[in-house]
Amino acid sequence: VHGRHDLPWQHPRTPYRVWLSEIMLQQT
């Protein structure tokens, strides 16, 4: 109900895009 479902790395959710997002999201 309340979570984030439309983040750009979720569509499509590939290993590369997930990895990139996780590194960028560190302390950001």
mmCIF file of all heavy atoms, coordinates in Angstrom:
data_MODEL
# 
_entry.id   MODEL 
# 
loop_
_atom_site.group_PDB 
_atom_site.id 
_atom_site.type_symbol 
_atom_site.label_atom_id 
_atom_site.label_alt_id 
_atom_site.label_comp_id 
_atom_site.label_asym_id 
_atom_site.label_entity_id 
_atom_site.label_seq_id 
_atom_site.pdbx_PDB_ins_code 
_atom_site.Cartn_x 
_atom_site.Cartn_y 
_atom_site.Cartn_z 
_atom_site.occupancy 
_atom_site.B_iso_or_equiv 
_atom_site.pdbx_formal_charge 
_atom_site.auth_seq_id 
_atom_site.auth_comp_id 
_atom_site.auth_asym_id 
_atom_site.auth_atom_id 
_atom_site.pdbx_PDB_model_num 
ATOM 1   N N   . VAL A 1 1  ? 0.822  -1.212 0.000   1.00 0.00 ? 1  VAL A N   1 
ATOM 2   C CA  . VAL A 1 1  ? 0.000  0.000  0.000   1.00 0.00 ? 1  VAL A CA  1 
ATOM 3   C C   . VAL A 1 1  ? 0.856  1.264  0.000   1.00 0.00 ? 1  VAL A C   1 
ATOM 4   O O   . VAL A 1 1  ? 0.568  2.232  -0.713  1.00 0.00 ? 1  VAL A O   1 
ATOM 5   C CB  . VAL A 1 1  ? -0.950 0.011  1.220   1.00 0.00 ? 1  VAL A CB  1 
ATOM 6   C CG1 . VAL A 1 1  ? -1.769 1.309  1.250   1.00 0.00 ? 1  VAL A CG1 1 
ATOM 7   C CG2 . VAL A 1 1  ? -1.860 -1.202 1.199   1.00 0.00 ? 1  VAL A CG2 1 
ATOM 8   N N   . HIS A 1 2  ? 1.935  1.255  0.784   1.00 0.00 ? 2  HIS A N   1 
ATOM 9   C CA  . HIS A 1 2  ? 2.678  2.489  1.036   1.00 0.00 ? 2  HIS A CA  1 
ATOM 10  C C   . HIS A 1 2  ? 4.101  2.502  0.470   1.00 0.00 ? 2  HIS A C   1 
ATOM 11  O O   . HIS A 1 2  ? 4.771  3.538  0.535   1.00 0.00 ? 2  HIS A O   1 
ATOM 12  C CB  . HIS A 1 2  ? 2.764  2.745  2.549   1.00 0.00 ? 2  HIS A CB  1 
ATOM 13  C CG  . HIS A 1 2  ? 1.434  2.826  3.223   1.00 0.00 ? 2  HIS A CG  1 
ATOM 14  N ND1 . HIS A 1 2  ? 0.594  3.910  3.076   1.00 0.00 ? 2  HIS A ND1 1 
ATOM 15  C CD2 . HIS A 1 2  ? 0.792  1.952  4.049   1.00 0.00 ? 2  HIS A CD2 1 
ATOM 16  C CE1 . HIS A 1 2  ? -0.508 3.708  3.795   1.00 0.00 ? 2  HIS A CE1 1 
ATOM 17  N NE2 . HIS A 1 2  ? -0.413 2.528  4.390   1.00 0.00 ? 2  HIS A NE2 1 
ATOM 18  N N   . GLY A 1 3  ? 4.566  1.403  -0.059  1.00 0.00 ? 3  GLY A N   1 
ATOM 19  C CA  . GLY A 1 3  ? 5.948  1.326  -0.519  1.00 0.00 ? 3  GLY A CA  1 
ATOM 20  C C   . GLY A 1 3  ? 6.176  2.018  -1.849  1.00 0.00 ? 3  GLY A C   1 
ATOM 21  O O   . GLY A 1 3  ? 5.241  2.456  -2.531  1.00 0.00 ? 3  GLY A O   1 
ATOM 22  N N   . ARG A 1 4  ? 7.445  2.081  -2.234  1.00 0.00 ? 4  ARG A N   1 
ATOM 23  C CA  . ARG A 1 4  ? 7.831  2.718  -3.495  1.00 0.00 ? 4  ARG A CA  1 
ATOM 24  C C   . ARG A 1 4  ? 7.922  1.644  -4.581  1.00 0.00 ? 4  ARG A C   1 
ATOM 25  O O   . ARG A 1 4  ? 8.773  0.755  -4.519  1.00 0.00 ? 4  ARG A O   1 
ATOM 26  C CB  . ARG A 1 4  ? 9.162  3.455  -3.323  1.00 0.00 ? 4  ARG A CB  1 
ATOM 27  C CG  . ARG A 1 4  ? 9.030  4.663  -2.408  1.00 0.00 ? 4  ARG A CG  1 
ATOM 28  C CD  . ARG A 1 4  ? 10.335 5.394  -2.186  1.00 0.00 ? 4  ARG A CD  1 
ATOM 29  N NE  . ARG A 1 4  ? 11.190 4.718  -1.234  1.00 0.00 ? 4  ARG A NE  1 
ATOM 30  C CZ  . ARG A 1 4  ? 12.162 5.321  -0.529  1.00 0.00 ? 4  ARG A CZ  1 
ATOM 31  N NH1 . ARG A 1 4  ? 12.372 6.614  -0.671  1.00 0.00 ? 4  ARG A NH1 1 
ATOM 32  N NH2 . ARG A 1 4  ? 12.912 4.637  0.301   1.00 0.00 ? 4  ARG A NH2 1 
ATOM 33  N N   . HIS A 1 5  ? 7.058  1.771  -5.577  1.00 0.00 ? 5  HIS A N   1 
ATOM 34  C CA  . HIS A 1 5  ? 6.950  0.747  -6.626  1.00 0.00 ? 5  HIS A CA  1 
ATOM 35  C C   . HIS A 1 5  ? 7.363  1.259  -8.002  1.00 0.00 ? 5  HIS A C   1 
ATOM 36  O O   . HIS A 1 5  ? 7.362  0.494  -8.967  1.00 0.00 ? 5  HIS A O   1 
ATOM 37  C CB  . HIS A 1 5  ? 5.509  0.231  -6.715  1.00 0.00 ? 5  HIS A CB  1 
ATOM 38  C CG  . HIS A 1 5  ? 4.991  -0.337 -5.428  1.00 0.00 ? 5  HIS A CG  1 
ATOM 39  N ND1 . HIS A 1 5  ? 5.183  -1.647 -5.066  1.00 0.00 ? 5  HIS A ND1 1 
ATOM 40  C CD2 . HIS A 1 5  ? 4.295  0.247  -4.412  1.00 0.00 ? 5  HIS A CD2 1 
ATOM 41  C CE1 . HIS A 1 5  ? 4.614  -1.873 -3.884  1.00 0.00 ? 5  HIS A CE1 1 
ATOM 42  N NE2 . HIS A 1 5  ? 4.074  -0.727 -3.465  1.00 0.00 ? 5  HIS A NE2 1 
ATOM 43  N N   . ASP A 1 6  ? 7.692  2.547  -8.117  1.00 0.00 ? 6  ASP A N   1 
ATOM 44  C CA  . ASP A 1 6  ? 7.947  3.128  -9.430  1.00 0.00 ? 6  ASP A CA  1 
ATOM 45  C C   . ASP A 1 6  ? 9.339  3.757  -9.528  1.00 0.00 ? 6  ASP A C   1 
ATOM 46  O O   . ASP A 1 6  ? 9.538  4.718  -10.270 1.00 0.00 ? 6  ASP A O   1 
ATOM 47  C CB  . ASP A 1 6  ? 6.886  4.193  -9.756  1.00 0.00 ? 6  ASP A CB  1 
ATOM 48  C CG  . ASP A 1 6  ? 5.490  3.581  -9.862  1.00 0.00 ? 6  ASP A CG  1 
ATOM 49  O OD1 . ASP A 1 6  ? 5.369  2.538  -10.523 1.00 0.00 ? 6  ASP A OD1 1 
ATOM 50  O OD2 . ASP A 1 6  ? 4.550  4.146  -9.272  1.00 0.00 ? 6  ASP A OD2 1 
ATOM 51  N N   . LEU A 1 7  ? 10.291 3.209  -8.802  1.00 0.00 ? 7  LEU A N   1 
ATOM 52  C CA  . LEU A 1 7  ? 11.654 3.706  -8.895  1.00 0.00 ? 7  LEU A CA  1 
ATOM 53  C C   . LEU A 1 7  ? 12.265 3.254  -10.220 1.00 0.00 ? 7  LEU A C   1 
ATOM 54  O O   . LEU A 1 7  ? 11.973 2.153  -10.701 1.00 0.00 ? 7  LEU A O   1 
ATOM 55  C CB  . LEU A 1 7  ? 12.484 3.179  -7.723  1.00 0.00 ? 7  LEU A CB  1 
ATOM 56  C CG  . LEU A 1 7  ? 11.994 3.642  -6.340  1.00 0.00 ? 7  LEU A CG  1 
ATOM 57  C CD1 . LEU A 1 7  ? 12.742 2.914  -5.231  1.00 0.00 ? 7  LEU A CD1 1 
ATOM 58  C CD2 . LEU A 1 7  ? 12.155 5.149  -6.191  1.00 0.00 ? 7  LEU A CD2 1 
ATOM 59  N N   . PRO A 1 8  ? 13.091 4.078  -10.850 1.00 0.00 ? 8  PRO A N   1 
ATOM 60  C CA  . PRO A 1 8  ? 13.556 3.757  -12.208 1.00 0.00 ? 8  PRO A CA  1 
ATOM 61  C C   . PRO A 1 8  ? 14.346 2.455  -12.295 1.00 0.00 ? 8  PRO A C   1 
ATOM 62  O O   . PRO A 1 8  ? 14.325 1.792  -13.339 1.00 0.00 ? 8  PRO A O   1 
ATOM 63  C CB  . PRO A 1 8  ? 14.423 4.969  -12.584 1.00 0.00 ? 8  PRO A CB  1 
ATOM 64  C CG  . PRO A 1 8  ? 14.735 5.662  -11.306 1.00 0.00 ? 8  PRO A CG  1 
ATOM 65  C CD  . PRO A 1 8  ? 13.579 5.393  -10.400 1.00 0.00 ? 8  PRO A CD  1 
ATOM 66  N N   . TRP A 1 9  ? 15.041 2.058  -11.232 1.00 0.00 ? 9  TRP A N   1 
ATOM 67  C CA  . TRP A 1 9  ? 15.815 0.815  -11.288 1.00 0.00 ? 9  TRP A CA  1 
ATOM 68  C C   . TRP A 1 9  ? 14.942 -0.421 -11.087 1.00 0.00 ? 9  TRP A C   1 
ATOM 69  O O   . TRP A 1 9  ? 15.421 -1.546 -11.202 1.00 0.00 ? 9  TRP A O   1 
ATOM 70  C CB  . TRP A 1 9  ? 16.938 0.842  -10.256 1.00 0.00 ? 9  TRP A CB  1 
ATOM 71  C CG  . TRP A 1 9  ? 16.549 1.363  -8.904  1.00 0.00 ? 9  TRP A CG  1 
ATOM 72  C CD1 . TRP A 1 9  ? 16.031 0.664  -7.867  1.00 0.00 ? 9  TRP A CD1 1 
ATOM 73  C CD2 . TRP A 1 9  ? 16.659 2.721  -8.469  1.00 0.00 ? 9  TRP A CD2 1 
ATOM 74  N NE1 . TRP A 1 9  ? 15.804 1.497  -6.797  1.00 0.00 ? 9  TRP A NE1 1 
ATOM 75  C CE2 . TRP A 1 9  ? 16.183 2.757  -7.131  1.00 0.00 ? 9  TRP A CE2 1 
ATOM 76  C CE3 . TRP A 1 9  ? 17.117 3.896  -9.068  1.00 0.00 ? 9  TRP A CE3 1 
ATOM 77  C CZ2 . TRP A 1 9  ? 16.157 3.943  -6.400  1.00 0.00 ? 9  TRP A CZ2 1 
ATOM 78  C CZ3 . TRP A 1 9  ? 17.081 5.066  -8.324  1.00 0.00 ? 9  TRP A CZ3 1 
ATOM 79  C CH2 . TRP A 1 9  ? 16.611 5.088  -7.013  1.00 0.00 ? 9  TRP A CH2 1 
ATOM 80  N N   . GLN A 1 10 ? 13.658 -0.205 -10.835 1.00 0.00 ? 10 GLN A N   1 
ATOM 81  C CA  . GLN A 1 10 ? 12.735 -1.345 -10.724 1.00 0.00 ? 10 GLN A CA  1 
ATOM 82  C C   . GLN A 1 10 ? 12.127 -1.728 -12.066 1.00 0.00 ? 10 GLN A C   1 
ATOM 83  O O   . GLN A 1 10 ? 11.526 -2.790 -12.189 1.00 0.00 ? 10 GLN A O   1 
ATOM 84  C CB  . GLN A 1 10 ? 11.608 -0.995 -9.737  1.00 0.00 ? 10 GLN A CB  1 
ATOM 85  C CG  . GLN A 1 10 ? 12.077 -0.776 -8.312  1.00 0.00 ? 10 GLN A CG  1 
ATOM 86  C CD  . GLN A 1 10 ? 10.969 -0.246 -7.405  1.00 0.00 ? 10 GLN A CD  1 
ATOM 87  O OE1 . GLN A 1 10 ? 10.038 0.430  -7.864  1.00 0.00 ? 10 GLN A OE1 1 
ATOM 88  N NE2 . GLN A 1 10 ? 11.052 -0.544 -6.118  1.00 0.00 ? 10 GLN A NE2 1 
ATOM 89  N N   . HIS A 1 11 ? 12.276 -0.874 -13.069 1.00 0.00 ? 11 HIS A N   1 
ATOM 90  C CA  . HIS A 1 11 ? 11.616 -1.088 -14.367 1.00 0.00 ? 11 HIS A CA  1 
ATOM 91  C C   . HIS A 1 11 ? 12.562 -0.758 -15.518 1.00 0.00 ? 11 HIS A C   1 
ATOM 92  O O   . HIS A 1 11 ? 12.658 0.411  -15.908 1.00 0.00 ? 11 HIS A O   1 
ATOM 93  C CB  . HIS A 1 11 ? 10.355 -0.230 -14.465 1.00 0.00 ? 11 HIS A CB  1 
ATOM 94  C CG  . HIS A 1 11 ? 9.437  -0.359 -13.286 1.00 0.00 ? 11 HIS A CG  1 
ATOM 95  N ND1 . HIS A 1 11 ? 8.658  -1.465 -13.070 1.00 0.00 ? 11 HIS A ND1 1 
ATOM 96  C CD2 . HIS A 1 11 ? 9.199  0.485  -12.244 1.00 0.00 ? 11 HIS A CD2 1 
ATOM 97  C CE1 . HIS A 1 11 ? 7.960  -1.291 -11.960 1.00 0.00 ? 11 HIS A CE1 1 
ATOM 98  N NE2 . HIS A 1 11 ? 8.276  -0.115 -11.432 1.00 0.00 ? 11 HIS A NE2 1 
ATOM 99  N N   . PRO A 1 12 ? 13.281 -1.703 -16.095 1.00 0.00 ? 12 PRO A N   1 
ATOM 100 C CA  . PRO A 1 12 ? 13.319 -3.101 -15.680 1.00 0.00 ? 12 PRO A CA  1 
ATOM 101 C C   . PRO A 1 12 ? 14.294 -3.297 -14.522 1.00 0.00 ? 12 PRO A C   1 
ATOM 102 O O   . PRO A 1 12 ? 15.206 -2.504 -14.335 1.00 0.00 ? 12 PRO A O   1 
ATOM 103 C CB  . PRO A 1 12 ? 13.825 -3.821 -16.933 1.00 0.00 ? 12 PRO A CB  1 
ATOM 104 C CG  . PRO A 1 12 ? 14.716 -2.803 -17.580 1.00 0.00 ? 12 PRO A CG  1 
ATOM 105 C CD  . PRO A 1 12 ? 14.062 -1.463 -17.314 1.00 0.00 ? 12 PRO A CD  1 
ATOM 106 N N   . ARG A 1 13 ? 14.099 -4.350 -13.796 1.00 0.00 ? 13 ARG A N   1 
ATOM 107 C CA  . ARG A 1 13 ? 14.953 -4.661 -12.646 1.00 0.00 ? 13 ARG A CA  1 
ATOM 108 C C   . ARG A 1 13 ? 15.995 -5.686 -13.083 1.00 0.00 ? 13 ARG A C   1 
ATOM 109 O O   . ARG A 1 13 ? 15.760 -6.887 -13.068 1.00 0.00 ? 13 ARG A O   1 
ATOM 110 C CB  . ARG A 1 13 ? 14.095 -5.196 -11.498 1.00 0.00 ? 13 ARG A CB  1 
ATOM 111 C CG  . ARG A 1 13 ? 14.855 -5.429 -10.205 1.00 0.00 ? 13 ARG A CG  1 
ATOM 112 C CD  . ARG A 1 13 ? 13.899 -5.974 -9.152  1.00 0.00 ? 13 ARG A CD  1 
ATOM 113 N NE  . ARG A 1 13 ? 13.279 -4.928 -8.372  1.00 0.00 ? 13 ARG A NE  1 
ATOM 114 C CZ  . ARG A 1 13 ? 12.085 -5.016 -7.801  1.00 0.00 ? 13 ARG A CZ  1 
ATOM 115 N NH1 . ARG A 1 13 ? 11.358 -6.099 -7.993  1.00 0.00 ? 13 ARG A NH1 1 
ATOM 116 N NH2 . ARG A 1 13 ? 11.607 -4.034 -7.085  1.00 0.00 ? 13 ARG A NH2 1 
ATOM 117 N N   . THR A 1 14 ? 17.129 -5.202 -13.522 1.00 0.00 ? 14 THR A N   1 
ATOM 118 C CA  . THR A 1 14 ? 18.217 -6.073 -13.965 1.00 0.00 ? 14 THR A CA  1 
ATOM 119 C C   . THR A 1 14 ? 19.343 -6.043 -12.940 1.00 0.00 ? 14 THR A C   1 
ATOM 120 O O   . THR A 1 14 ? 19.441 -5.098 -12.131 1.00 0.00 ? 14 THR A O   1 
ATOM 121 C CB  . THR A 1 14 ? 18.781 -5.608 -15.317 1.00 0.00 ? 14 THR A CB  1 
ATOM 122 O OG1 . THR A 1 14 ? 19.434 -4.337 -15.130 1.00 0.00 ? 14 THR A OG1 1 
ATOM 123 C CG2 . THR A 1 14 ? 17.668 -5.467 -16.363 1.00 0.00 ? 14 THR A CG2 1 
ATOM 124 N N   . PRO A 1 15 ? 20.222 -7.045 -12.941 1.00 0.00 ? 15 PRO A N   1 
ATOM 125 C CA  . PRO A 1 15 ? 21.349 -7.021 -11.983 1.00 0.00 ? 15 PRO A CA  1 
ATOM 126 C C   . PRO A 1 15 ? 22.168 -5.744 -12.079 1.00 0.00 ? 15 PRO A C   1 
ATOM 127 O O   . PRO A 1 15 ? 22.552 -5.169 -11.049 1.00 0.00 ? 15 PRO A O   1 
ATOM 128 C CB  . PRO A 1 15 ? 22.157 -8.260 -12.371 1.00 0.00 ? 15 PRO A CB  1 
ATOM 129 C CG  . PRO A 1 15 ? 21.139 -9.203 -12.943 1.00 0.00 ? 15 PRO A CG  1 
ATOM 130 C CD  . PRO A 1 15 ? 20.163 -8.321 -13.683 1.00 0.00 ? 15 PRO A CD  1 
ATOM 131 N N   . TYR A 1 16 ? 22.449 -5.281 -13.291 1.00 0.00 ? 16 TYR A N   1 
ATOM 132 C CA  . TYR A 1 16 ? 23.257 -4.070 -13.462 1.00 0.00 ? 16 TYR A CA  1 
ATOM 133 C C   . TYR A 1 16 ? 22.555 -2.856 -12.871 1.00 0.00 ? 16 TYR A C   1 
ATOM 134 O O   . TYR A 1 16 ? 23.156 -2.058 -12.137 1.00 0.00 ? 16 TYR A O   1 
ATOM 135 C CB  . TYR A 1 16 ? 23.537 -3.844 -14.951 1.00 0.00 ? 16 TYR A CB  1 
ATOM 136 C CG  . TYR A 1 16 ? 24.252 -2.546 -15.256 1.00 0.00 ? 16 TYR A CG  1 
ATOM 137 C CD1 . TYR A 1 16 ? 25.600 -2.389 -14.951 1.00 0.00 ? 16 TYR A CD1 1 
ATOM 138 C CD2 . TYR A 1 16 ? 23.579 -1.476 -15.859 1.00 0.00 ? 16 TYR A CD2 1 
ATOM 139 C CE1 . TYR A 1 16 ? 26.268 -1.194 -15.235 1.00 0.00 ? 16 TYR A CE1 1 
ATOM 140 C CE2 . TYR A 1 16 ? 24.241 -0.283 -16.149 1.00 0.00 ? 16 TYR A CE2 1 
ATOM 141 C CZ  . TYR A 1 16 ? 25.587 -0.158 -15.834 1.00 0.00 ? 16 TYR A CZ  1 
ATOM 142 O OH  . TYR A 1 16 ? 26.239 1.023  -16.116 1.00 0.00 ? 16 TYR A OH  1 
ATOM 143 N N   . ARG A 1 17 ? 21.285 -2.681 -13.175 1.00 0.00 ? 17 ARG A N   1 
ATOM 144 C CA  . ARG A 1 17 ? 20.554 -1.511 -12.693 1.00 0.00 ? 17 ARG A CA  1 
ATOM 145 C C   . ARG A 1 17 ? 20.387 -1.555 -11.178 1.00 0.00 ? 17 ARG A C   1 
ATOM 146 O O   . ARG A 1 17 ? 20.487 -0.523 -10.496 1.00 0.00 ? 17 ARG A O   1 
ATOM 147 C CB  . ARG A 1 17 ? 19.190 -1.430 -13.395 1.00 0.00 ? 17 ARG A CB  1 
ATOM 148 C CG  . ARG A 1 17 ? 19.306 -1.119 -14.894 1.00 0.00 ? 17 ARG A CG  1 
ATOM 149 C CD  . ARG A 1 17 ? 17.972 -1.368 -15.617 1.00 0.00 ? 17 ARG A CD  1 
ATOM 150 N NE  . ARG A 1 17 ? 16.953 -0.413 -15.210 1.00 0.00 ? 17 ARG A NE  1 
ATOM 151 C CZ  . ARG A 1 17 ? 16.737 0.762  -15.787 1.00 0.00 ? 17 ARG A CZ  1 
ATOM 152 N NH1 . ARG A 1 17 ? 17.487 1.143  -16.813 1.00 0.00 ? 17 ARG A NH1 1 
ATOM 153 N NH2 . ARG A 1 17 ? 15.776 1.559  -15.375 1.00 0.00 ? 17 ARG A NH2 1 
ATOM 154 N N   . VAL A 1 18 ? 20.138 -2.740 -10.629 1.00 0.00 ? 18 VAL A N   1 
ATOM 155 C CA  . VAL A 1 18 ? 20.038 -2.870 -9.178  1.00 0.00 ? 18 VAL A CA  1 
ATOM 156 C C   . VAL A 1 18 ? 21.368 -2.517 -8.522  1.00 0.00 ? 18 VAL A C   1 
ATOM 157 O O   . VAL A 1 18 ? 21.428 -1.761 -7.540  1.00 0.00 ? 18 VAL A O   1 
ATOM 158 C CB  . VAL A 1 18 ? 19.603 -4.298 -8.783  1.00 0.00 ? 18 VAL A CB  1 
ATOM 159 C CG1 . VAL A 1 18 ? 19.762 -4.512 -7.278  1.00 0.00 ? 18 VAL A CG1 1 
ATOM 160 C CG2 . VAL A 1 18 ? 18.161 -4.547 -9.199  1.00 0.00 ? 18 VAL A CG2 1 
ATOM 161 N N   . TRP A 1 19 ? 22.440 -3.069 -9.069  1.00 0.00 ? 19 TRP A N   1 
ATOM 162 C CA  . TRP A 1 19 ? 23.773 -2.804 -8.523  1.00 0.00 ? 19 TRP A CA  1 
ATOM 163 C C   . TRP A 1 19 ? 24.089 -1.311 -8.556  1.00 0.00 ? 19 TRP A C   1 
ATOM 164 O O   . TRP A 1 19 ? 24.518 -0.733 -7.552  1.00 0.00 ? 19 TRP A O   1 
ATOM 165 C CB  . TRP A 1 19 ? 24.794 -3.609 -9.319  1.00 0.00 ? 19 TRP A CB  1 
ATOM 166 C CG  . TRP A 1 19 ? 26.232 -3.267 -9.105  1.00 0.00 ? 19 TRP A CG  1 
ATOM 167 C CD1 . TRP A 1 19 ? 26.860 -3.045 -7.905  1.00 0.00 ? 19 TRP A CD1 1 
ATOM 168 C CD2 . TRP A 1 19 ? 27.235 -3.112 -10.114 1.00 0.00 ? 19 TRP A CD2 1 
ATOM 169 N NE1 . TRP A 1 19 ? 28.194 -2.774 -8.108  1.00 0.00 ? 19 TRP A NE1 1 
ATOM 170 C CE2 . TRP A 1 19 ? 28.446 -2.805 -9.453  1.00 0.00 ? 19 TRP A CE2 1 
ATOM 171 C CE3 . TRP A 1 19 ? 27.225 -3.214 -11.506 1.00 0.00 ? 19 TRP A CE3 1 
ATOM 172 C CZ2 . TRP A 1 19 ? 29.644 -2.594 -10.152 1.00 0.00 ? 19 TRP A CZ2 1 
ATOM 173 C CZ3 . TRP A 1 19 ? 28.412 -3.015 -12.198 1.00 0.00 ? 19 TRP A CZ3 1 
ATOM 174 C CH2 . TRP A 1 19 ? 29.610 -2.712 -11.521 1.00 0.00 ? 19 TRP A CH2 1 
ATOM 175 N N   . LEU A 1 20 ? 23.882 -0.670 -9.698  1.00 0.00 ? 20 LEU A N   1 
ATOM 176 C CA  . LEU A 1 20 ? 24.159 0.754  -9.826  1.00 0.00 ? 20 LEU A CA  1 
ATOM 177 C C   . LEU A 1 20 ? 23.344 1.556  -8.820  1.00 0.00 ? 20 LEU A C   1 
ATOM 178 O O   . LEU A 1 20 ? 23.866 2.455  -8.144  1.00 0.00 ? 20 LEU A O   1 
ATOM 179 C CB  . LEU A 1 20 ? 23.852 1.217  -11.248 1.00 0.00 ? 20 LEU A CB  1 
ATOM 180 C CG  . LEU A 1 20 ? 23.989 2.719  -11.524 1.00 0.00 ? 20 LEU A CG  1 
ATOM 181 C CD1 . LEU A 1 20 ? 25.407 3.189  -11.248 1.00 0.00 ? 20 LEU A CD1 1 
ATOM 182 C CD2 . LEU A 1 20 ? 23.580 3.034  -12.962 1.00 0.00 ? 20 LEU A CD2 1 
ATOM 183 N N   . SER A 1 21 ? 22.074 1.238  -8.682  1.00 0.00 ? 21 SER A N   1 
ATOM 184 C CA  . SER A 1 21 ? 21.235 1.990  -7.748  1.00 0.00 ? 21 SER A CA  1 
ATOM 185 C C   . SER A 1 21 ? 21.711 1.803  -6.311  1.00 0.00 ? 21 SER A C   1 
ATOM 186 O O   . SER A 1 21 ? 21.725 2.755  -5.519  1.00 0.00 ? 21 SER A O   1 
ATOM 187 C CB  . SER A 1 21 ? 19.768 1.560  -7.876  1.00 0.00 ? 21 SER A CB  1 
ATOM 188 O OG  . SER A 1 21 ? 19.554 0.255  -7.372  1.00 0.00 ? 21 SER A OG  1 
ATOM 189 N N   . GLU A 1 22 ? 22.111 0.600  -5.953  1.00 0.00 ? 22 GLU A N   1 
ATOM 190 C CA  . GLU A 1 22 ? 22.561 0.346  -4.586  1.00 0.00 ? 22 GLU A CA  1 
ATOM 191 C C   . GLU A 1 22 ? 23.833 1.119  -4.261  1.00 0.00 ? 22 GLU A C   1 
ATOM 192 O O   . GLU A 1 22 ? 23.985 1.648  -3.159  1.00 0.00 ? 22 GLU A O   1 
ATOM 193 C CB  . GLU A 1 22 ? 22.798 -1.154 -4.378  1.00 0.00 ? 22 GLU A CB  1 
ATOM 194 C CG  . GLU A 1 22 ? 21.524 -1.969 -4.276  1.00 0.00 ? 22 GLU A CG  1 
ATOM 195 C CD  . GLU A 1 22 ? 20.651 -1.548 -3.114  1.00 0.00 ? 22 GLU A CD  1 
ATOM 196 O OE1 . GLU A 1 22 ? 21.193 -1.308 -2.016  1.00 0.00 ? 22 GLU A OE1 1 
ATOM 197 O OE2 . GLU A 1 22 ? 19.428 -1.419 -3.299  1.00 0.00 ? 22 GLU A OE2 1 
ATOM 198 N N   . ILE A 1 23 ? 24.750 1.205  -5.212  1.00 0.00 ? 23 ILE A N   1 
ATOM 199 C CA  . ILE A 1 23 ? 25.971 1.968  -4.979  1.00 0.00 ? 23 ILE A CA  1 
ATOM 200 C C   . ILE A 1 23 ? 25.654 3.458  -4.867  1.00 0.00 ? 23 ILE A C   1 
ATOM 201 O O   . ILE A 1 23 ? 26.152 4.162  -3.984  1.00 0.00 ? 23 ILE A O   1 
ATOM 202 C CB  . ILE A 1 23 ? 26.991 1.722  -6.112  1.00 0.00 ? 23 ILE A CB  1 
ATOM 203 C CG1 . ILE A 1 23 ? 27.350 0.236  -6.197  1.00 0.00 ? 23 ILE A CG1 1 
ATOM 204 C CG2 . ILE A 1 23 ? 28.239 2.563  -5.889  1.00 0.00 ? 23 ILE A CG2 1 
ATOM 205 C CD1 . ILE A 1 23 ? 27.972 -0.339 -4.943  1.00 0.00 ? 23 ILE A CD1 1 
ATOM 206 N N   . MET A 1 24 ? 24.787 3.965  -5.744  1.00 0.00 ? 24 MET A N   1 
ATOM 207 C CA  . MET A 1 24 ? 24.426 5.374  -5.692  1.00 0.00 ? 24 MET A CA  1 
ATOM 208 C C   . MET A 1 24 ? 23.684 5.729  -4.406  1.00 0.00 ? 24 MET A C   1 
ATOM 209 O O   . MET A 1 24 ? 23.820 6.851  -3.883  1.00 0.00 ? 24 MET A O   1 
ATOM 210 C CB  . MET A 1 24 ? 23.560 5.743  -6.901  1.00 0.00 ? 24 MET A CB  1 
ATOM 211 C CG  . MET A 1 24 ? 24.330 5.847  -8.203  1.00 0.00 ? 24 MET A CG  1 
ATOM 212 S SD  . MET A 1 24 ? 23.277 6.469  -9.552  1.00 0.00 ? 24 MET A SD  1 
ATOM 213 C CE  . MET A 1 24 ? 24.518 6.895  -10.777 1.00 0.00 ? 24 MET A CE  1 
ATOM 214 N N   . LEU A 1 25 ? 22.898 4.793  -3.894  1.00 0.00 ? 25 LEU A N   1 
ATOM 215 C CA  . LEU A 1 25 ? 22.080 5.069  -2.719  1.00 0.00 ? 25 LEU A CA  1 
ATOM 216 C C   . LEU A 1 25 ? 22.857 5.012  -1.414  1.00 0.00 ? 25 LEU A C   1 
ATOM 217 O O   . LEU A 1 25 ? 22.315 5.364  -0.363  1.00 0.00 ? 25 LEU A O   1 
ATOM 218 C CB  . LEU A 1 25 ? 20.905 4.079  -2.655  1.00 0.00 ? 25 LEU A CB  1 
ATOM 219 C CG  . LEU A 1 25 ? 19.790 4.321  -3.672  1.00 0.00 ? 25 LEU A CG  1 
ATOM 220 C CD1 . LEU A 1 25 ? 18.870 3.118  -3.770  1.00 0.00 ? 25 LEU A CD1 1 
ATOM 221 C CD2 . LEU A 1 25 ? 19.000 5.575  -3.306  1.00 0.00 ? 25 LEU A CD2 1 
ATOM 222 N N   . GLN A 1 26 ? 24.102 4.582  -1.456  1.00 0.00 ? 26 GLN A N   1 
ATOM 223 C CA  . GLN A 1 26 ? 24.909 4.579  -0.241  1.00 0.00 ? 26 GLN A CA  1 
ATOM 224 C C   . GLN A 1 26 ? 25.137 6.009  0.223   1.00 0.00 ? 26 GLN A C   1 
ATOM 225 O O   . GLN A 1 26 ? 25.722 6.812  -0.482  1.00 0.00 ? 26 GLN A O   1 
ATOM 226 C CB  . GLN A 1 26 ? 26.252 3.877  -0.495  1.00 0.00 ? 26 GLN A CB  1 
ATOM 227 C CG  . GLN A 1 26 ? 26.124 2.387  -0.746  1.00 0.00 ? 26 GLN A CG  1 
ATOM 228 C CD  . GLN A 1 26 ? 27.438 1.761  -1.200  1.00 0.00 ? 26 GLN A CD  1 
ATOM 229 O OE1 . GLN A 1 26 ? 28.454 2.444  -1.344  1.00 0.00 ? 26 GLN A OE1 1 
ATOM 230 N NE2 . GLN A 1 26 ? 27.428 0.461  -1.435  1.00 0.00 ? 26 GLN A NE2 1 
ATOM 231 N N   . GLN A 1 27 ? 24.618 6.338  1.390   1.00 0.00 ? 27 GLN A N   1 
ATOM 232 C CA  . GLN A 1 27 ? 24.759 7.656  2.005   1.00 0.00 ? 27 GLN A CA  1 
ATOM 233 C C   . GLN A 1 27 ? 24.160 8.778  1.146   1.00 0.00 ? 27 GLN A C   1 
ATOM 234 O O   . GLN A 1 27 ? 24.569 9.939  1.246   1.00 0.00 ? 27 GLN A O   1 
ATOM 235 C CB  . GLN A 1 27 ? 26.242 7.951  2.299   1.00 0.00 ? 27 GLN A CB  1 
ATOM 236 C CG  . GLN A 1 27 ? 26.890 6.892  3.184   1.00 0.00 ? 27 GLN A CG  1 
ATOM 237 C CD  . GLN A 1 27 ? 28.308 7.226  3.553   1.00 0.00 ? 27 GLN A CD  1 
ATOM 238 O OE1 . GLN A 1 27 ? 28.552 8.192  4.268   1.00 0.00 ? 27 GLN A OE1 1 
ATOM 239 N NE2 . GLN A 1 27 ? 29.258 6.429  3.106   1.00 0.00 ? 27 GLN A NE2 1 
ATOM 240 N N   . THR A 1 28 ? 23.204 8.428  0.285   1.00 0.00 ? 28 THR A N   1 
ATOM 241 C CA  . THR A 1 28 ? 22.571 9.424  -0.588  1.00 0.00 ? 28 THR A CA  1 
ATOM 242 C C   . THR A 1 28 ? 21.076 9.126  -0.680  1.00 0.00 ? 28 THR A C   1 
ATOM 243 O O   . THR A 1 28 ? 20.685 7.967  -0.811  1.00 0.00 ? 28 THR A O   1 
ATOM 244 C CB  . THR A 1 28 ? 23.188 9.397  -1.998  1.00 0.00 ? 28 THR A CB  1 
ATOM 245 O OG1 . THR A 1 28 ? 24.614 9.434  -1.898  1.00 0.00 ? 28 THR A OG1 1 
ATOM 246 C CG2 . THR A 1 28 ? 22.727 10.588 -2.818  1.00 0.00 ? 28 THR A CG2 1 
# 
